Amino acid sequence: MPPVPSDPAAVRQMFAEYPAGVAAICADVDGRAVGMVVTSLTVGASFDPPCALVSIQRESQTWVSLKTAPRIGVSVLSENNTEAVRRLASRSGDRFDGSVLGRTADGAVFISGARLWLECRVLSAIPTGDHVVVVLEVVGASAHRSARPLVYHTGSTVALPSSA
């Protein structure tokens, strides 16, 4: 077997071969919505208490803001959110332009039309290489089961077929 590439871009391309769900992690920070798109979300890391994991680049300025929020909203994005994915992944412009947002009293922010919404609090953040693995405790949840979830694979997003 060949060795793992040493170039970060080649490693990213290699990992893109693994299909992954697409989620937004967002919160209200100092009166404004802050968020990003992630493909590293893992749910069911623990059932008691219910926990999820997400891996975030250490240099992320968005994470610097998000980690200060008392609650973070996780929106597992659906076919309804293809434009929101593009905006949330952008490093410029209004990441929330055109997205209808829901908010909790504790500051979690959610993207309308998502498949699943999780209200979370940060339990821990573990430095791992050039990323931080964040453990999120789920304190609230809601689902829109008729929405087809998005999957990221080889550089693009596609909706999974309907289960109906």
N, C-alpha and C. Protein backbone atom coordinates (compact mmCIF):
# COMPACT_ATOMS: atom_id res chain seq x y z
N MET A 1 0.86 -1.17 0.00
CA MET A 1 0.00 0.00 0.00
C MET A 1 0.90 1.24 0.00
N PRO A 2 0.58 2.24 -0.82
CA PRO A 2 1.40 3.46 -0.85
C PRO A 2 1.25 4.25 0.46
N PRO A 3 2.25 5.06 0.78
CA PRO A 3 2.15 5.87 1.99
C PRO A 3 1.09 6.96 1.84
N VAL A 4 0.63 7.48 2.97
CA VAL A 4 -0.33 8.57 2.98
C VAL A 4 0.35 9.82 2.42
N PRO A 5 -0.34 10.60 1.60
CA PRO A 5 0.28 11.81 1.05
C PRO A 5 0.68 12.77 2.19
N SER A 6 1.72 13.54 1.97
CA SER A 6 2.15 14.51 2.98
C SER A 6 1.55 15.89 2.73
N ASP A 7 1.10 16.16 1.53
CA ASP A 7 0.51 17.45 1.19
C ASP A 7 -0.92 17.52 1.74
N PRO A 8 -1.25 18.55 2.55
CA PRO A 8 -2.59 18.67 3.12
C PRO A 8 -3.71 18.64 2.08
N ALA A 9 -3.50 19.24 0.91
CA ALA A 9 -4.53 19.23 -0.13
C ALA A 9 -4.77 17.82 -0.64
N ALA A 10 -3.72 17.04 -0.76
CA ALA A 10 -3.86 15.64 -1.21
C ALA A 10 -4.55 14.80 -0.15
N VAL A 11 -4.26 15.07 1.11
CA VAL A 11 -4.93 14.35 2.21
C VAL A 11 -6.42 14.69 2.19
N ARG A 12 -6.75 15.97 2.02
CA ARG A 12 -8.16 16.39 1.94
C ARG A 12 -8.87 15.67 0.81
N GLN A 13 -8.21 15.60 -0.35
CA GLN A 13 -8.80 14.91 -1.51
C GLN A 13 -8.99 13.42 -1.21
N MET A 14 -8.02 12.81 -0.55
CA MET A 14 -8.13 11.39 -0.18
C MET A 14 -9.33 11.18 0.75
N PHE A 15 -9.46 12.03 1.76
CA PHE A 15 -10.57 11.89 2.70
C PHE A 15 -11.92 12.19 2.05
N ALA A 16 -11.95 12.96 0.96
CA ALA A 16 -13.20 13.27 0.26
C ALA A 16 -13.81 12.04 -0.40
N GLU A 17 -13.04 10.96 -0.48
CA GLU A 17 -13.56 9.70 -1.02
C GLU A 17 -14.57 9.06 -0.06
N TYR A 18 -14.55 9.49 1.19
CA TYR A 18 -15.47 8.96 2.19
C TYR A 18 -16.72 9.82 2.23
N PRO A 19 -17.89 9.27 1.88
CA PRO A 19 -19.12 10.08 1.93
C PRO A 19 -19.42 10.51 3.36
N ALA A 20 -19.80 11.77 3.52
CA ALA A 20 -20.06 12.31 4.85
C ALA A 20 -21.27 13.22 4.82
N GLY A 21 -22.01 13.23 5.91
CA GLY A 21 -23.13 14.16 6.05
C GLY A 21 -22.62 15.59 6.09
N VAL A 22 -23.50 16.52 5.78
CA VAL A 22 -23.15 17.94 5.77
C VAL A 22 -23.98 18.62 6.85
N ALA A 23 -23.30 19.35 7.73
CA ALA A 23 -23.99 20.02 8.84
C ALA A 23 -23.50 21.45 8.96
N ALA A 24 -24.32 22.27 9.57
CA ALA A 24 -23.93 23.64 9.92
C ALA A 24 -23.88 23.71 11.44
N ILE A 25 -22.83 24.32 11.96
CA ILE A 25 -22.78 24.59 13.40
C ILE A 25 -22.81 26.11 13.55
N CYS A 26 -23.80 26.59 14.32
CA CYS A 26 -24.07 28.03 14.37
C CYS A 26 -24.51 28.45 15.77
N ALA A 27 -24.22 29.70 16.09
CA ALA A 27 -24.65 30.26 17.37
C ALA A 27 -24.79 31.77 17.23
N ASP A 28 -25.50 32.33 18.18
CA ASP A 28 -25.61 33.78 18.29
C ASP A 28 -24.45 34.23 19.18
N VAL A 29 -23.55 35.04 18.64
CA VAL A 29 -22.40 35.54 19.39
C VAL A 29 -22.45 37.06 19.35
N ASP A 30 -22.60 37.67 20.50
CA ASP A 30 -22.67 39.13 20.60
C ASP A 30 -23.73 39.72 19.68
N GLY A 31 -24.89 39.03 19.61
CA GLY A 31 -26.02 39.55 18.86
C GLY A 31 -26.01 39.29 17.36
N ARG A 32 -25.06 38.49 16.88
CA ARG A 32 -25.06 38.17 15.45
C ARG A 32 -24.84 36.67 15.25
N ALA A 33 -25.43 36.16 14.18
CA ALA A 33 -25.28 34.74 13.86
C ALA A 33 -23.87 34.48 13.33
N VAL A 34 -23.25 33.43 13.85
CA VAL A 34 -21.92 32.99 13.44
C VAL A 34 -22.03 31.51 13.13
N GLY A 35 -21.45 31.06 12.02
CA GLY A 35 -21.55 29.64 11.72
C GLY A 35 -20.65 29.20 10.60
N MET A 36 -20.58 27.88 10.46
CA MET A 36 -19.76 27.26 9.42
C MET A 36 -20.39 25.94 9.02
N VAL A 37 -19.96 25.45 7.88
CA VAL A 37 -20.39 24.14 7.40
C VAL A 37 -19.29 23.14 7.76
N VAL A 38 -19.70 21.93 8.16
CA VAL A 38 -18.75 20.87 8.50
C VAL A 38 -19.20 19.56 7.89
N THR A 39 -18.23 18.70 7.62
CA THR A 39 -18.55 17.34 7.14
C THR A 39 -17.98 16.30 8.10
N SER A 40 -17.48 16.75 9.24
CA SER A 40 -16.86 15.83 10.20
C SER A 40 -17.77 15.48 11.36
N LEU A 41 -19.03 15.84 11.30
CA LEU A 41 -19.95 15.56 12.40
C LEU A 41 -20.17 14.05 12.56
N THR A 42 -20.07 13.60 13.79
CA THR A 42 -20.40 12.22 14.15
C THR A 42 -21.42 12.28 15.27
N VAL A 43 -22.58 11.70 15.06
CA VAL A 43 -23.58 11.65 16.12
C VAL A 43 -23.53 10.28 16.77
N GLY A 44 -24.04 10.21 17.99
CA GLY A 44 -24.04 8.93 18.70
C GLY A 44 -22.69 8.58 19.30
N ALA A 45 -21.84 9.58 19.54
CA ALA A 45 -20.55 9.31 20.18
C ALA A 45 -20.79 8.79 21.59
N SER A 46 -21.92 9.16 22.18
CA SER A 46 -22.36 8.66 23.48
C SER A 46 -23.88 8.76 23.49
N PHE A 47 -24.51 7.82 24.17
CA PHE A 47 -25.97 7.86 24.31
C PHE A 47 -26.39 8.38 25.68
N ASP A 48 -25.51 8.29 26.68
CA ASP A 48 -25.83 8.73 28.03
C ASP A 48 -24.62 9.40 28.65
N PRO A 49 -24.47 10.71 28.53
CA PRO A 49 -25.40 11.64 27.90
C PRO A 49 -25.27 11.57 26.37
N PRO A 50 -26.29 12.01 25.65
CA PRO A 50 -26.19 12.00 24.19
C PRO A 50 -25.13 13.02 23.74
N CYS A 51 -24.18 12.55 22.94
CA CYS A 51 -23.08 13.41 22.48
C CYS A 51 -22.82 13.23 21.00
N ALA A 52 -22.27 14.27 20.43
CA ALA A 52 -21.82 14.27 19.04
C ALA A 52 -20.39 14.79 19.04
N LEU A 53 -19.66 14.52 17.96
CA LEU A 53 -18.30 15.00 17.78
C LEU A 53 -18.21 15.80 16.50
N VAL A 54 -17.34 16.77 16.49
CA VAL A 54 -17.03 17.51 15.27
C VAL A 54 -15.56 17.90 15.31
N SER A 55 -14.92 17.87 14.16
CA SER A 55 -13.51 18.22 14.05
C SER A 55 -13.40 19.54 13.29
N ILE A 56 -12.65 20.50 13.87
CA ILE A 56 -12.57 21.84 13.32
C ILE A 56 -11.10 22.26 13.23
N GLN A 57 -10.74 22.89 12.13
CA GLN A 57 -9.37 23.38 11.96
C GLN A 57 -9.01 24.36 13.07
N ARG A 58 -7.80 24.19 13.60
CA ARG A 58 -7.35 25.06 14.69
C ARG A 58 -7.34 26.53 14.31
N GLU A 59 -7.03 26.83 13.04
CA GLU A 59 -6.95 28.23 12.60
C GLU A 59 -8.30 28.87 12.36
N SER A 60 -9.38 28.15 12.49
CA SER A 60 -10.71 28.68 12.18
C SER A 60 -11.07 29.85 13.10
N GLN A 61 -11.21 31.03 12.52
CA GLN A 61 -11.65 32.19 13.29
C GLN A 61 -13.13 32.07 13.67
N THR A 62 -13.89 31.35 12.86
CA THR A 62 -15.29 31.13 13.19
C THR A 62 -15.40 30.32 14.48
N TRP A 63 -14.55 29.30 14.63
CA TRP A 63 -14.59 28.49 15.85
C TRP A 63 -14.19 29.33 17.06
N VAL A 64 -13.24 30.25 16.90
CA VAL A 64 -12.85 31.12 18.01
C VAL A 64 -14.08 31.83 18.57
N SER A 65 -14.99 32.27 17.69
CA SER A 65 -16.23 32.91 18.14
C SER A 65 -17.24 31.90 18.66
N LEU A 66 -17.45 30.82 17.91
CA LEU A 66 -18.48 29.84 18.29
C LEU A 66 -18.24 29.22 19.66
N LYS A 67 -17.00 28.93 19.99
CA LYS A 67 -16.72 28.21 21.24
C LYS A 67 -17.05 29.03 22.49
N THR A 68 -17.31 30.34 22.31
CA THR A 68 -17.68 31.17 23.44
C THR A 68 -19.18 31.14 23.73
N ALA A 69 -19.96 30.60 22.80
CA ALA A 69 -21.43 30.60 22.95
C ALA A 69 -21.87 29.55 23.97
N PRO A 70 -22.88 29.87 24.78
CA PRO A 70 -23.37 28.88 25.75
C PRO A 70 -24.04 27.68 25.07
N ARG A 71 -24.63 27.90 23.90
CA ARG A 71 -25.26 26.81 23.14
C ARG A 71 -24.89 26.97 21.67
N ILE A 72 -24.74 25.81 21.00
CA ILE A 72 -24.43 25.78 19.57
C ILE A 72 -25.53 24.97 18.88
N GLY A 73 -26.04 25.50 17.79
CA GLY A 73 -27.03 24.77 17.00
C GLY A 73 -26.34 23.96 15.92
N VAL A 74 -26.69 22.70 15.82
CA VAL A 74 -26.19 21.83 14.76
C VAL A 74 -27.37 21.54 13.85
N SER A 75 -27.26 21.92 12.59
CA SER A 75 -28.30 21.65 11.60
C SER A 75 -27.74 20.65 10.59
N VAL A 76 -28.29 19.43 10.58
CA VAL A 76 -27.88 18.44 9.58
C VAL A 76 -28.63 18.82 8.31
N LEU A 77 -27.89 19.28 7.33
CA LEU A 77 -28.49 19.92 6.16
C LEU A 77 -29.12 18.92 5.20
N SER A 78 -30.09 19.43 4.45
CA SER A 78 -30.87 18.60 3.53
C SER A 78 -30.83 19.19 2.13
N GLU A 79 -31.54 18.52 1.23
CA GLU A 79 -31.64 19.00 -0.15
C GLU A 79 -32.16 20.43 -0.21
N ASN A 80 -32.87 20.88 0.81
CA ASN A 80 -33.39 22.24 0.87
C ASN A 80 -32.30 23.28 1.12
N ASN A 81 -31.10 22.83 1.47
CA ASN A 81 -30.05 23.73 1.92
C ASN A 81 -28.83 23.81 1.01
N THR A 82 -28.96 23.44 -0.25
CA THR A 82 -27.78 23.42 -1.13
C THR A 82 -27.14 24.80 -1.26
N GLU A 83 -27.93 25.86 -1.35
CA GLU A 83 -27.37 27.21 -1.42
C GLU A 83 -26.76 27.61 -0.09
N ALA A 84 -27.38 27.22 1.01
CA ALA A 84 -26.85 27.54 2.34
C ALA A 84 -25.48 26.91 2.53
N VAL A 85 -25.25 25.72 2.00
CA VAL A 85 -23.94 25.07 2.10
C VAL A 85 -22.88 25.95 1.45
N ARG A 86 -23.16 26.43 0.26
CA ARG A 86 -22.19 27.27 -0.45
C ARG A 86 -21.88 28.53 0.34
N ARG A 87 -22.92 29.19 0.86
CA ARG A 87 -22.71 30.43 1.61
C ARG A 87 -21.97 30.18 2.92
N LEU A 88 -22.37 29.13 3.66
CA LEU A 88 -21.73 28.85 4.94
C LEU A 88 -20.27 28.43 4.79
N ALA A 89 -19.93 27.85 3.66
CA ALA A 89 -18.55 27.44 3.41
C ALA A 89 -17.69 28.60 2.92
N SER A 90 -18.31 29.70 2.54
CA SER A 90 -17.58 30.85 2.01
C SER A 90 -16.81 31.56 3.11
N ARG A 91 -15.69 32.15 2.73
CA ARG A 91 -14.90 32.94 3.68
C ARG A 91 -15.20 34.43 3.55
N SER A 92 -16.18 34.76 2.71
CA SER A 92 -16.54 36.18 2.55
C SER A 92 -18.05 36.30 2.38
N GLY A 93 -18.54 37.51 2.53
CA GLY A 93 -19.98 37.76 2.37
C GLY A 93 -20.78 37.33 3.58
N ASP A 94 -22.09 37.49 3.46
CA ASP A 94 -23.01 37.13 4.54
C ASP A 94 -23.31 35.64 4.46
N ARG A 95 -22.82 34.87 5.39
CA ARG A 95 -23.02 33.42 5.39
C ARG A 95 -24.48 33.03 5.57
N PHE A 96 -25.29 33.94 6.07
CA PHE A 96 -26.69 33.60 6.36
C PHE A 96 -27.67 34.29 5.42
N ASP A 97 -27.20 34.93 4.36
CA ASP A 97 -28.07 35.61 3.41
C ASP A 97 -29.05 34.62 2.81
N GLY A 98 -30.34 34.87 2.98
CA GLY A 98 -31.36 34.02 2.41
C GLY A 98 -31.73 32.81 3.25
N SER A 99 -31.01 32.55 4.33
CA SER A 99 -31.33 31.42 5.21
C SER A 99 -32.26 31.91 6.31
N VAL A 100 -33.37 31.21 6.47
CA VAL A 100 -34.26 31.53 7.57
C VAL A 100 -33.69 30.84 8.79
N LEU A 101 -33.50 31.60 9.85
CA LEU A 101 -32.85 31.06 11.03
C LEU A 101 -33.83 30.87 12.17
N GLY A 102 -33.62 29.83 12.97
CA GLY A 102 -34.30 29.66 14.23
C GLY A 102 -33.27 29.84 15.32
N ARG A 103 -33.71 30.36 16.45
CA ARG A 103 -32.79 30.59 17.56
C ARG A 103 -33.43 30.11 18.86
N THR A 104 -32.58 29.63 19.76
CA THR A 104 -33.06 29.31 21.10
C THR A 104 -32.71 30.47 22.03
N ALA A 105 -33.33 30.49 23.19
CA ALA A 105 -33.05 31.55 24.17
C ALA A 105 -31.59 31.54 24.61
N ASP A 106 -30.93 30.38 24.54
CA ASP A 106 -29.53 30.27 24.96
C ASP A 106 -28.54 30.51 23.83
N GLY A 107 -29.02 30.89 22.63
CA GLY A 107 -28.13 31.31 21.56
C GLY A 107 -27.82 30.30 20.47
N ALA A 108 -28.39 29.10 20.53
CA ALA A 108 -28.19 28.16 19.41
C ALA A 108 -28.93 28.70 18.19
N VAL A 109 -28.29 28.61 17.03
CA VAL A 109 -28.87 29.09 15.78
C VAL A 109 -29.03 27.91 14.83
N PHE A 110 -30.19 27.83 14.17
CA PHE A 110 -30.50 26.71 13.29
C PHE A 110 -30.85 27.19 11.88
N ILE A 111 -30.54 26.36 10.90
CA ILE A 111 -30.84 26.65 9.49
C ILE A 111 -32.18 26.00 9.15
N SER A 112 -33.08 26.78 8.61
CA SER A 112 -34.40 26.29 8.21
C SER A 112 -34.27 25.26 7.09
N GLY A 113 -35.14 24.25 7.10
CA GLY A 113 -35.17 23.25 6.05
C GLY A 113 -34.22 22.09 6.26
N ALA A 114 -33.49 22.09 7.38
CA ALA A 114 -32.54 21.00 7.66
C ALA A 114 -33.29 19.71 7.99
N ARG A 115 -32.58 18.61 7.98
CA ARG A 115 -33.14 17.29 8.28
C ARG A 115 -33.23 17.07 9.79
N LEU A 116 -32.23 17.55 10.52
CA LEU A 116 -32.14 17.32 11.96
C LEU A 116 -31.53 18.55 12.61
N TRP A 117 -32.06 18.93 13.77
CA TRP A 117 -31.51 20.04 14.53
C TRP A 117 -31.14 19.54 15.91
N LEU A 118 -29.92 19.86 16.35
CA LEU A 118 -29.45 19.49 17.68
C LEU A 118 -29.00 20.75 18.41
N GLU A 119 -29.54 20.96 19.59
CA GLU A 119 -29.05 22.05 20.42
C GLU A 119 -27.99 21.46 21.34
N CYS A 120 -26.80 22.05 21.34
CA CYS A 120 -25.66 21.45 22.03
C CYS A 120 -24.92 22.44 22.90
N ARG A 121 -24.16 21.87 23.83
CA ARG A 121 -23.20 22.65 24.59
C ARG A 121 -21.86 21.95 24.47
N VAL A 122 -20.78 22.72 24.49
CA VAL A 122 -19.44 22.14 24.36
C VAL A 122 -19.06 21.47 25.67
N LEU A 123 -18.73 20.17 25.60
CA LEU A 123 -18.23 19.45 26.77
C LEU A 123 -16.71 19.53 26.85
N SER A 124 -16.05 19.35 25.71
CA SER A 124 -14.59 19.42 25.70
C SER A 124 -14.10 19.66 24.28
N ALA A 125 -12.85 20.09 24.20
CA ALA A 125 -12.18 20.30 22.92
C ALA A 125 -10.77 19.74 23.06
N ILE A 126 -10.44 18.78 22.21
CA ILE A 126 -9.18 18.06 22.31
C ILE A 126 -8.32 18.39 21.09
N PRO A 127 -7.18 19.07 21.28
CA PRO A 127 -6.30 19.34 20.14
C PRO A 127 -5.82 18.02 19.52
N THR A 128 -5.94 17.93 18.20
CA THR A 128 -5.55 16.73 17.47
C THR A 128 -4.94 17.17 16.13
N GLY A 129 -3.62 17.11 16.02
CA GLY A 129 -2.96 17.55 14.80
C GLY A 129 -3.29 19.01 14.52
N ASP A 130 -3.71 19.30 13.28
CA ASP A 130 -4.04 20.69 12.94
C ASP A 130 -5.52 21.00 13.18
N HIS A 131 -6.22 20.11 13.88
CA HIS A 131 -7.64 20.29 14.19
C HIS A 131 -7.87 20.22 15.70
N VAL A 132 -9.11 20.51 16.08
CA VAL A 132 -9.60 20.34 17.44
C VAL A 132 -10.82 19.44 17.34
N VAL A 133 -10.83 18.35 18.10
CA VAL A 133 -12.01 17.48 18.14
C VAL A 133 -12.88 17.99 19.28
N VAL A 134 -14.10 18.39 18.94
CA VAL A 134 -15.01 19.00 19.91
C VAL A 134 -16.10 18.00 20.25
N VAL A 135 -16.29 17.77 21.55
CA VAL A 135 -17.36 16.90 22.04
C VAL A 135 -18.52 17.81 22.43
N LEU A 136 -19.67 17.56 21.81
CA LEU A 136 -20.88 18.35 22.04
C LEU A 136 -21.92 17.50 22.76
N GLU A 137 -22.43 17.99 23.88
CA GLU A 137 -23.54 17.31 24.55
C GLU A 137 -24.84 17.83 23.96
N VAL A 138 -25.69 16.93 23.53
CA VAL A 138 -26.98 17.29 22.92
C VAL A 138 -27.99 17.52 24.05
N VAL A 139 -28.56 18.73 24.09
CA VAL A 139 -29.53 19.07 25.14
C VAL A 139 -30.94 19.26 24.59
N GLY A 140 -31.08 19.27 23.26
CA GLY A 140 -32.39 19.39 22.62
C GLY A 140 -32.29 18.90 21.18
N ALA A 141 -33.41 18.41 20.64
CA ALA A 141 -33.37 17.87 19.27
C ALA A 141 -34.74 17.92 18.62
N SER A 142 -34.72 18.04 17.29
CA SER A 142 -35.93 18.00 16.49
C SER A 142 -35.55 17.51 15.09
N ALA A 143 -36.49 16.85 14.42
CA ALA A 143 -36.19 16.31 13.09
C ALA A 143 -37.29 16.66 12.09
N HIS A 144 -36.89 16.78 10.83
CA HIS A 144 -37.79 16.98 9.70
C HIS A 144 -37.56 15.78 8.78
N ARG A 145 -38.18 14.67 9.10
CA ARG A 145 -37.86 13.38 8.48
C ARG A 145 -38.17 13.28 6.99
N SER A 146 -38.97 14.19 6.45
CA SER A 146 -39.28 14.09 5.02
C SER A 146 -38.20 14.76 4.16
N ALA A 147 -37.31 15.53 4.78
CA ALA A 147 -36.24 16.19 4.01
C ALA A 147 -35.12 15.19 3.73
N ARG A 148 -34.65 15.16 2.48
CA ARG A 148 -33.56 14.25 2.11
C ARG A 148 -32.21 14.84 2.53
N PRO A 149 -31.43 14.11 3.32
CA PRO A 149 -30.15 14.65 3.80
C PRO A 149 -29.13 14.79 2.68
N LEU A 150 -28.24 15.78 2.85
CA LEU A 150 -27.14 15.98 1.92
C LEU A 150 -25.93 15.16 2.35
N VAL A 151 -25.19 14.71 1.36
CA VAL A 151 -23.94 13.99 1.59
C VAL A 151 -22.86 14.64 0.75
N TYR A 152 -21.69 14.83 1.36
CA TYR A 152 -20.53 15.36 0.66
C TYR A 152 -19.68 14.18 0.21
N HIS A 153 -19.34 14.16 -1.09
CA HIS A 153 -18.52 13.07 -1.62
C HIS A 153 -17.75 13.57 -2.82
N THR A 154 -16.47 13.34 -2.83
CA THR A 154 -15.53 13.73 -3.90
C THR A 154 -15.74 15.18 -4.39
N GLY A 155 -15.90 16.08 -3.42
CA GLY A 155 -15.93 17.50 -3.77
C GLY A 155 -17.28 18.10 -4.06
N SER A 156 -18.35 17.35 -3.96
CA SER A 156 -19.66 17.94 -4.20
C SER A 156 -20.69 17.36 -3.23
N THR A 157 -21.84 18.02 -3.15
CA THR A 157 -22.91 17.55 -2.29
C THR A 157 -24.04 16.98 -3.14
N VAL A 158 -24.62 15.89 -2.66
CA VAL A 158 -25.77 15.26 -3.32
C VAL A 158 -26.77 14.87 -2.25
N ALA A 159 -28.04 14.87 -2.60
CA ALA A 159 -29.08 14.44 -1.67
C ALA A 159 -29.23 12.92 -1.76
N LEU A 160 -29.40 12.30 -0.62
CA LEU A 160 -29.67 10.86 -0.61
C LEU A 160 -31.06 10.61 -1.17
N PRO A 161 -31.28 9.46 -1.76
CA PRO A 161 -32.63 9.13 -2.26
C PRO A 161 -33.63 9.09 -1.12
N SER A 162 -34.87 9.32 -1.44
CA SER A 162 -35.94 9.27 -0.44
C SER A 162 -36.08 7.86 0.08
N SER A 163 -36.36 7.74 1.39
CA SER A 163 -36.54 6.43 2.00
C SER A 163 -37.98 5.96 1.91
N ALA A 164 -38.85 6.82 1.39
CA ALA A 164 -40.27 6.47 1.31
C ALA A 164 -40.55 5.55 0.14
